[in-house]
Amino acid sequence: MSHNDNIPGRSARRHRPAIWAIAVAIGLAVVALLLFAPMGGDPETGDVEIIAPGTDALQSDSATSTDAAPPASN
């Protein structure tokens, strides 16, 4: 077992680099949050263009392509 030395001054001195590293990490996280946070725009769509179903070019082109099966004749 290790000796449990409860001297607060020595413990604080030994933990000082770890405390500074935690403070720097928190500061970098705040800077990253400010840099990469969305600014303005519509929060509901997230600045993404929404296309209604059935109106995009791929769907309308596939209906008129020559690969489509001909209508069944009676």
PDB file of N, CA and C in Angstrom:
ATOM      1  N   MET A   1       0.842  -1.177   0.000  1.00  0.00           N
ATOM      2  CA  MET A   1       0.000   0.000   0.000  1.00  0.00           C
ATOM      3  C   MET A   1       0.892   1.247   0.000  1.00  0.00           C
ATOM      4  N   SER A   2       0.372   2.295  -0.561  1.00  0.00           N
ATOM      5  CA  SER A   2       1.140   3.534  -0.611  1.00  0.00           C
ATOM      6  C   SER A   2       0.851   4.391   0.618  1.00  0.00           C
ATOM      7  N   HIS A   3       1.793   5.256   0.914  1.00  0.00           N
ATOM      8  CA  HIS A   3       1.635   6.166   2.051  1.00  0.00           C
ATOM      9  C   HIS A   3       0.690   7.293   1.661  1.00  0.00           C
ATOM     10  N   ASN A   4      -0.319   7.532   2.430  1.00  0.00           N
ATOM     11  CA  ASN A   4      -1.293   8.585   2.154  1.00  0.00           C
ATOM     12  C   ASN A   4      -0.842   9.849   2.872  1.00  0.00           C
ATOM     13  N   ASP A   5      -0.208  10.744   2.121  1.00  0.00           N
ATOM     14  CA  ASP A   5       0.326  11.983   2.684  1.00  0.00           C
ATOM     15  C   ASP A   5      -0.700  13.097   2.443  1.00  0.00           C
ATOM     16  N   ASN A   6      -1.362  13.550   3.470  1.00  0.00           N
ATOM     17  CA  ASN A   6      -2.409  14.558   3.335  1.00  0.00           C
ATOM     18  C   ASN A   6      -1.882  15.952   3.637  1.00  0.00           C
ATOM     19  N   ILE A   7      -0.972  16.431   2.834  1.00  0.00           N
ATOM     20  CA  ILE A   7      -0.475  17.789   2.974  1.00  0.00           C
ATOM     21  C   ILE A   7      -1.044  18.591   1.799  1.00  0.00           C
ATOM     22  N   PRO A   8      -2.046  19.440   2.045  1.00  0.00           N
ATOM     23  CA  PRO A   8      -2.725  20.149   0.952  1.00  0.00           C
ATOM     24  C   PRO A   8      -1.789  20.993   0.084  1.00  0.00           C
ATOM     25  N   GLY A   9      -0.810  21.639   0.665  1.00  0.00           N
ATOM     26  CA  GLY A   9       0.107  22.466  -0.121  1.00  0.00           C
ATOM     27  C   GLY A   9       0.888  21.651  -1.136  1.00  0.00           C
ATOM     28  N   ARG A  10       1.376  20.501  -0.716  1.00  0.00           N
ATOM     29  CA  ARG A  10       2.134  19.637  -1.621  1.00  0.00           C
ATOM     30  C   ARG A  10       1.217  19.045  -2.697  1.00  0.00           C
ATOM     31  N   SER A  11       0.012  18.641  -2.316  1.00  0.00           N
ATOM     32  CA  SER A  11      -0.929  18.088  -3.287  1.00  0.00           C
ATOM     33  C   SER A  11      -1.309  19.126  -4.338  1.00  0.00           C
ATOM     34  N   ALA A  12      -1.555  20.342  -3.922  1.00  0.00           N
ATOM     35  CA  ALA A  12      -1.898  21.410  -4.869  1.00  0.00           C
ATOM     36  C   ALA A  12      -0.748  21.678  -5.822  1.00  0.00           C
ATOM     37  N   ARG A  13       0.459  21.663  -5.310  1.00  0.00           N
ATOM     38  CA  ARG A  13       1.633  21.917  -6.135  1.00  0.00           C
ATOM     39  C   ARG A  13       1.832  20.798  -7.166  1.00  0.00           C
ATOM     40  N   ARG A  14       1.582  19.567  -6.767  1.00  0.00           N
ATOM     41  CA  ARG A  14       1.751  18.428  -7.683  1.00  0.00           C
ATOM     42  C   ARG A  14       0.639  18.349  -8.729  1.00  0.00           C
ATOM     43  N   HIS A  15      -0.523  18.867  -8.431  1.00  0.00           N
ATOM     44  CA  HIS A  15      -1.655  18.801  -9.366  1.00  0.00           C
ATOM     45  C   HIS A  15      -1.783  20.045 -10.243  1.00  0.00           C
ATOM     46  N   ARG A  16      -0.948  21.033 -10.045  1.00  0.00           N
ATOM     47  CA  ARG A  16      -1.051  22.277 -10.802  1.00  0.00           C
ATOM     48  C   ARG A  16      -0.998  22.060 -12.325  1.00  0.00           C
ATOM     49  N   PRO A  17      -0.093  21.243 -12.887  1.00  0.00           N
ATOM     50  CA  PRO A  17      -0.087  21.035 -14.351  1.00  0.00           C
ATOM     51  C   PRO A  17      -1.381  20.409 -14.870  1.00  0.00           C
ATOM     52  N   ALA A  18      -1.950  19.487 -14.130  1.00  0.00           N
ATOM     53  CA  ALA A  18      -3.201  18.862 -14.561  1.00  0.00           C
ATOM     54  C   ALA A  18      -4.347  19.869 -14.540  1.00  0.00           C
ATOM     55  N   ILE A  19      -4.374  20.723 -13.543  1.00  0.00           N
ATOM     56  CA  ILE A  19      -5.423  21.739 -13.461  1.00  0.00           C
ATOM     57  C   ILE A  19      -5.298  22.725 -14.621  1.00  0.00           C
ATOM     58  N   TRP A  20      -4.055  23.135 -14.947  1.00  0.00           N
ATOM     59  CA  TRP A  20      -3.852  24.026 -16.095  1.00  0.00           C
ATOM     60  C   TRP A  20      -4.273  23.344 -17.398  1.00  0.00           C
ATOM     61  N   ALA A  21      -3.979  22.062 -17.554  1.00  0.00           N
ATOM     62  CA  ALA A  21      -4.362  21.337 -18.772  1.00  0.00           C
ATOM     63  C   ALA A  21      -5.883  21.265 -18.911  1.00  0.00           C
ATOM     64  N   ILE A  22      -6.579  21.048 -17.819  1.00  0.00           N
ATOM     65  CA  ILE A  22      -8.045  21.017 -17.853  1.00  0.00           C
ATOM     66  C   ILE A  22      -8.592  22.393 -18.231  1.00  0.00           C
ATOM     67  N   ALA A  23      -8.012  23.452 -17.673  1.00  0.00           N
ATOM     68  CA  ALA A  23      -8.470  24.810 -17.995  1.00  0.00           C
ATOM     69  C   ALA A  23      -8.228  25.132 -19.473  1.00  0.00           C
ATOM     70  N   VAL A  24      -7.084  24.725 -20.010  1.00  0.00           N
ATOM     71  CA  VAL A  24      -6.794  24.965 -21.432  1.00  0.00           C
ATOM     72  C   VAL A  24      -7.763  24.170 -22.311  1.00  0.00           C
ATOM     73  N   ALA A  25      -8.048  22.938 -21.944  1.00  0.00           N
ATOM     74  CA  ALA A  25      -8.979  22.116 -22.723  1.00  0.00           C
ATOM     75  C   ALA A  25     -10.377  22.726 -22.732  1.00  0.00           C
ATOM     76  N   ILE A  26     -10.817  23.228 -21.607  1.00  0.00           N
ATOM     77  CA  ILE A  26     -12.137  23.880 -21.545  1.00  0.00           C
ATOM     78  C   ILE A  26     -12.134  25.141 -22.399  1.00  0.00           C
ATOM     79  N   GLY A  27     -11.052  25.917 -22.342  1.00  0.00           N
ATOM     80  CA  GLY A  27     -10.952  27.119 -23.165  1.00  0.00           C
ATOM     81  C   GLY A  27     -10.984  26.801 -24.653  1.00  0.00           C
ATOM     82  N   LEU A  28     -10.269  25.750 -25.072  1.00  0.00           N
ATOM     83  CA  LEU A  28     -10.295  25.359 -26.483  1.00  0.00           C
ATOM     84  C   LEU A  28     -11.674  24.865 -26.907  1.00  0.00           C
ATOM     85  N   ALA A  29     -12.368  24.187 -26.018  1.00  0.00           N
ATOM     86  CA  ALA A  29     -13.718  23.731 -26.337  1.00  0.00           C
ATOM     87  C   ALA A  29     -14.668  24.909 -26.525  1.00  0.00           C
ATOM     88  N   VAL A  30     -14.521  25.953 -25.719  1.00  0.00           N
ATOM     89  CA  VAL A  30     -15.364  27.146 -25.866  1.00  0.00           C
ATOM     90  C   VAL A  30     -15.048  27.853 -27.187  1.00  0.00           C
ATOM     91  N   VAL A  31     -13.774  27.963 -27.530  1.00  0.00           N
ATOM     92  CA  VAL A  31     -13.388  28.591 -28.799  1.00  0.00           C
ATOM     93  C   VAL A  31     -13.938  27.791 -29.970  1.00  0.00           C
ATOM     94  N   ALA A  32     -13.836  26.455 -29.924  1.00  0.00           N
ATOM     95  CA  ALA A  32     -14.372  25.613 -30.992  1.00  0.00           C
ATOM     96  C   ALA A  32     -15.884  25.760 -31.094  1.00  0.00           C
ATOM     97  N   LEU A  33     -16.557  25.861 -29.962  1.00  0.00           N
ATOM     98  CA  LEU A  33     -18.008  26.046 -29.976  1.00  0.00           C
ATOM     99  C   LEU A  33     -18.379  27.359 -30.663  1.00  0.00           C
ATOM    100  N   LEU A  34     -17.636  28.406 -30.369  1.00  0.00           N
ATOM    101  CA  LEU A  34     -17.921  29.699 -30.988  1.00  0.00           C
ATOM    102  C   LEU A  34     -17.607  29.701 -32.484  1.00  0.00           C
ATOM    103  N   LEU A  35     -16.555  29.008 -32.883  1.00  0.00           N
ATOM    104  CA  LEU A  35     -16.172  28.990 -34.291  1.00  0.00           C
ATOM    105  C   LEU A  35     -17.100  28.132 -35.146  1.00  0.00           C
ATOM    106  N   PHE A  36     -17.542  27.006 -34.610  1.00  0.00           N
ATOM    107  CA  PHE A  36     -18.309  26.058 -35.410  1.00  0.00           C
ATOM    108  C   PHE A  36     -19.809  26.097 -35.159  1.00  0.00           C
ATOM    109  N   ALA A  37     -20.277  26.965 -34.295  1.00  0.00           N
ATOM    110  CA  ALA A  37     -21.714  27.081 -34.039  1.00  0.00           C
ATOM    111  C   ALA A  37     -22.372  27.756 -35.234  1.00  0.00           C
ATOM    112  N   PRO A  38     -23.565  27.306 -35.622  1.00  0.00           N
ATOM    113  CA  PRO A  38     -24.255  27.940 -36.743  1.00  0.00           C
ATOM    114  C   PRO A  38     -24.660  29.364 -36.386  1.00  0.00           C
ATOM    115  N   MET A  39     -24.445  30.265 -37.315  1.00  0.00           N
ATOM    116  CA  MET A  39     -24.780  31.673 -37.101  1.00  0.00           C
ATOM    117  C   MET A  39     -25.980  32.034 -37.982  1.00  0.00           C
ATOM    118  N   GLY A  40     -27.041  32.482 -37.391  1.00  0.00           N
ATOM    119  CA  GLY A  40     -28.206  32.939 -38.145  1.00  0.00           C
ATOM    120  C   GLY A  40     -28.864  31.789 -38.887  1.00  0.00           C
ATOM    121  N   GLY A  41     -29.595  32.101 -39.930  1.00  0.00           N
ATOM    122  CA  GLY A  41     -30.264  31.080 -40.714  1.00  0.00           C
ATOM    123  C   GLY A  41     -31.531  30.613 -40.040  1.00  0.00           C
ATOM    124  N   ASP A  42     -32.190  29.688 -40.682  1.00  0.00           N
ATOM    125  CA  ASP A  42     -33.423  29.133 -40.153  1.00  0.00           C
ATOM    126  C   ASP A  42     -33.084  27.943 -39.268  1.00  0.00           C
ATOM    127  N   PRO A  43     -33.363  28.013 -37.967  1.00  0.00           N
ATOM    128  CA  PRO A  43     -32.978  26.916 -37.088  1.00  0.00           C
ATOM    129  C   PRO A  43     -33.758  25.625 -37.347  1.00  0.00           C
ATOM    130  N   GLU A  44     -34.948  25.708 -37.942  1.00  0.00           N
ATOM    131  CA  GLU A  44     -35.734  24.503 -38.189  1.00  0.00           C
ATOM    132  C   GLU A  44     -35.171  23.685 -39.343  1.00  0.00           C
ATOM    133  N   THR A  45     -34.664  24.343 -40.379  1.00  0.00           N
ATOM    134  CA  THR A  45     -34.130  23.602 -41.521  1.00  0.00           C
ATOM    135  C   THR A  45     -32.627  23.480 -41.460  1.00  0.00           C
ATOM    136  N   GLY A  46     -31.961  24.267 -40.659  1.00  0.00           N
ATOM    137  CA  GLY A  46     -30.521  24.184 -40.561  1.00  0.00           C
ATOM    138  C   GLY A  46     -29.836  24.616 -41.849  1.00  0.00           C
ATOM    139  N   ASP A  47     -30.386  25.567 -42.566  1.00  0.00           N
ATOM    140  CA  ASP A  47     -29.854  26.065 -43.829  1.00  0.00           C
ATOM    141  C   ASP A  47     -29.750  24.971 -44.887  1.00  0.00           C
ATOM    142  N   VAL A  48     -30.610  23.975 -44.842  1.00  0.00           N
ATOM    143  CA  VAL A  48     -30.631  22.917 -45.832  1.00  0.00           C
ATOM    144  C   VAL A  48     -31.854  23.138 -46.701  1.00  0.00           C
ATOM    145  N   GLU A  49     -31.663  23.077 -48.015  1.00  0.00           N
ATOM    146  CA  GLU A  49     -32.790  23.257 -48.926  1.00  0.00           C
ATOM    147  C   GLU A  49     -33.640  22.000 -48.914  1.00  0.00           C
ATOM    148  N   ILE A  50     -34.921  22.175 -48.665  1.00  0.00           N
ATOM    149  CA  ILE A  50     -35.833  21.040 -48.597  1.00  0.00           C
ATOM    150  C   ILE A  50     -36.625  20.986 -49.889  1.00  0.00           C
ATOM    151  N   ILE A  51     -36.638  19.821 -50.502  1.00  0.00           N
ATOM    152  CA  ILE A  51     -37.374  19.617 -51.742  1.00  0.00           C
ATOM    153  C   ILE A  51     -38.586  18.759 -51.422  1.00  0.00           C
ATOM    154  N   ALA A  52     -39.750  19.198 -51.886  1.00  0.00           N
ATOM    155  CA  ALA A  52     -40.972  18.453 -51.626  1.00  0.00           C
ATOM    156  C   ALA A  52     -40.938  17.131 -52.388  1.00  0.00           C
ATOM    157  N   PRO A  53     -41.554  16.099 -51.862  1.00  0.00           N
ATOM    158  CA  PRO A  53     -41.557  14.806 -52.552  1.00  0.00           C
ATOM    159  C   PRO A  53     -42.207  14.918 -53.927  1.00  0.00           C
ATOM    160  N   GLY A  54     -41.624  14.267 -54.895  1.00  0.00           N
ATOM    161  CA  GLY A  54     -42.182  14.256 -56.246  1.00  0.00           C
ATOM    162  C   GLY A  54     -41.783  15.444 -57.088  1.00  0.00           C
ATOM    163  N   THR A  55     -40.926  16.338 -56.598  1.00  0.00           N
ATOM    164  CA  THR A  55     -40.565  17.507 -57.391  1.00  0.00           C
ATOM    165  C   THR A  55     -39.100  17.536 -57.791  1.00  0.00           C
ATOM    166  N   ASP A  56     -38.310  16.534 -57.372  1.00  0.00           N
ATOM    167  CA  ASP A  56     -36.897  16.593 -57.732  1.00  0.00           C
ATOM    168  C   ASP A  56     -36.678  16.070 -59.148  1.00  0.00           C
ATOM    169  N   ALA A  57     -35.549  16.401 -59.731  1.00  0.00           N
ATOM    170  CA  ALA A  57     -35.271  16.085 -61.125  1.00  0.00           C
ATOM    171  C   ALA A  57     -35.155  14.583 -61.351  1.00  0.00           C
ATOM    172  N   LEU A  58     -34.587  13.853 -60.435  1.00  0.00           N
ATOM    173  CA  LEU A  58     -34.404  12.419 -60.624  1.00  0.00           C
ATOM    174  C   LEU A  58     -35.737  11.696 -60.711  1.00  0.00           C
ATOM    175  N   GLN A  59     -36.669  12.086 -59.909  1.00  0.00           N
ATOM    176  CA  GLN A  59     -37.957  11.408 -59.932  1.00  0.00           C
ATOM    177  C   GLN A  59     -38.717  11.740 -61.214  1.00  0.00           C
ATOM    178  N   SER A  60     -38.668  12.979 -61.685  1.00  0.00           N
ATOM    179  CA  SER A  60     -39.397  13.332 -62.896  1.00  0.00           C
ATOM    180  C   SER A  60     -38.719  12.756 -64.130  1.00  0.00           C
ATOM    181  N   ASP A  61     -37.361  12.622 -64.130  1.00  0.00           N
ATOM    182  CA  ASP A  61     -36.673  12.044 -65.271  1.00  0.00           C
ATOM    183  C   ASP A  61     -36.923  10.551 -65.385  1.00  0.00           C
ATOM    184  N   SER A  62     -37.035   9.855 -64.259  1.00  0.00           N
ATOM    185  CA  SER A  62     -37.223   8.406 -64.310  1.00  0.00           C
ATOM    186  C   SER A  62     -38.603   8.059 -64.857  1.00  0.00           C
ATOM    187  N   ALA A  63     -39.569   8.930 -64.709  1.00  0.00           N
ATOM    188  CA  ALA A  63     -40.912   8.649 -65.217  1.00  0.00           C
ATOM    189  C   ALA A  63     -40.955   8.758 -66.743  1.00  0.00           C
ATOM    190  N   THR A  64     -40.042   9.518 -67.345  1.00  0.00           N
ATOM    191  CA  THR A  64     -40.066   9.702 -68.790  1.00  0.00           C
ATOM    192  C   THR A  64     -38.918   8.986 -69.483  1.00  0.00           C
ATOM    193  N   SER A  65     -38.155   8.169 -68.755  1.00  0.00           N
ATOM    194  CA  SER A  65     -37.023   7.500 -69.393  1.00  0.00           C
ATOM    195  C   SER A  65     -37.497   6.364 -70.260  1.00  0.00           C
ATOM    196  N   THR A  66     -36.641   5.913 -71.176  1.00  0.00           N
ATOM    197  CA  THR A  66     -36.986   4.835 -72.092  1.00  0.00           C
ATOM    198  C   THR A  66     -36.889   3.472 -71.434  1.00  0.00           C
ATOM    199  N   ASP A  67     -36.284   3.394 -70.267  1.00  0.00           N
ATOM    200  CA  ASP A  67     -36.148   2.120 -69.568  1.00  0.00           C
ATOM    201  C   ASP A  67     -37.431   1.745 -68.830  1.00  0.00           C
ATOM    202  N   ALA A  68     -38.368   2.639 -68.744  1.00  0.00           N
ATOM    203  CA  ALA A  68     -39.595   2.370 -68.014  1.00  0.00           C
ATOM    204  C   ALA A  68     -40.429   1.348 -68.786  1.00  0.00           C
ATOM    205  N   ALA A  69     -41.128   0.509 -68.076  1.00  0.00           N
ATOM    206  CA  ALA A  69     -41.965  -0.512 -68.704  1.00  0.00           C
ATOM    207  C   ALA A  69     -43.159   0.149 -69.372  1.00  0.00           C
ATOM    208  N   PRO A  70     -43.544  -0.303 -70.555  1.00  0.00           N
ATOM    209  CA  PRO A  70     -44.718   0.289 -71.230  1.00  0.00           C
ATOM    210  C   PRO A  70     -45.982  -0.073 -70.453  1.00  0.00           C
ATOM    211  N   PRO A  71     -47.015   0.738 -70.593  1.00  0.00           N
ATOM    212  CA  PRO A  71     -48.254   0.446 -69.886  1.00  0.00           C
ATOM    213  C   PRO A  71     -48.865  -0.872 -70.405  1.00  0.00           C
ATOM    214  N   ALA A  72     -49.484  -1.589 -69.514  1.00  0.00           N
ATOM    215  CA  ALA A  72     -50.107  -2.870 -69.899  1.00  0.00           C
ATOM    216  C   ALA A  72     -51.326  -2.609 -70.771  1.00  0.00           C
ATOM    217  N   SER A  73     -51.439  -3.392 -71.841  1.00  0.00           N
ATOM    218  CA  SER A  73     -52.601  -3.224 -72.742  1.00  0.00           C
ATOM    219  C   SER A  73     -53.633  -4.286 -72.421  1.00  0.00           C
ATOM    220  N   ASN A  74     -54.894  -3.932 -72.552  1.00  0.00           N
ATOM    221  CA  ASN A  74     -55.986  -4.860 -72.261  1.00  0.00           C
ATOM    222  C   ASN A  74     -56.470  -5.503 -73.485  1.00  0.00           C
TER     223      ASN A  74
END
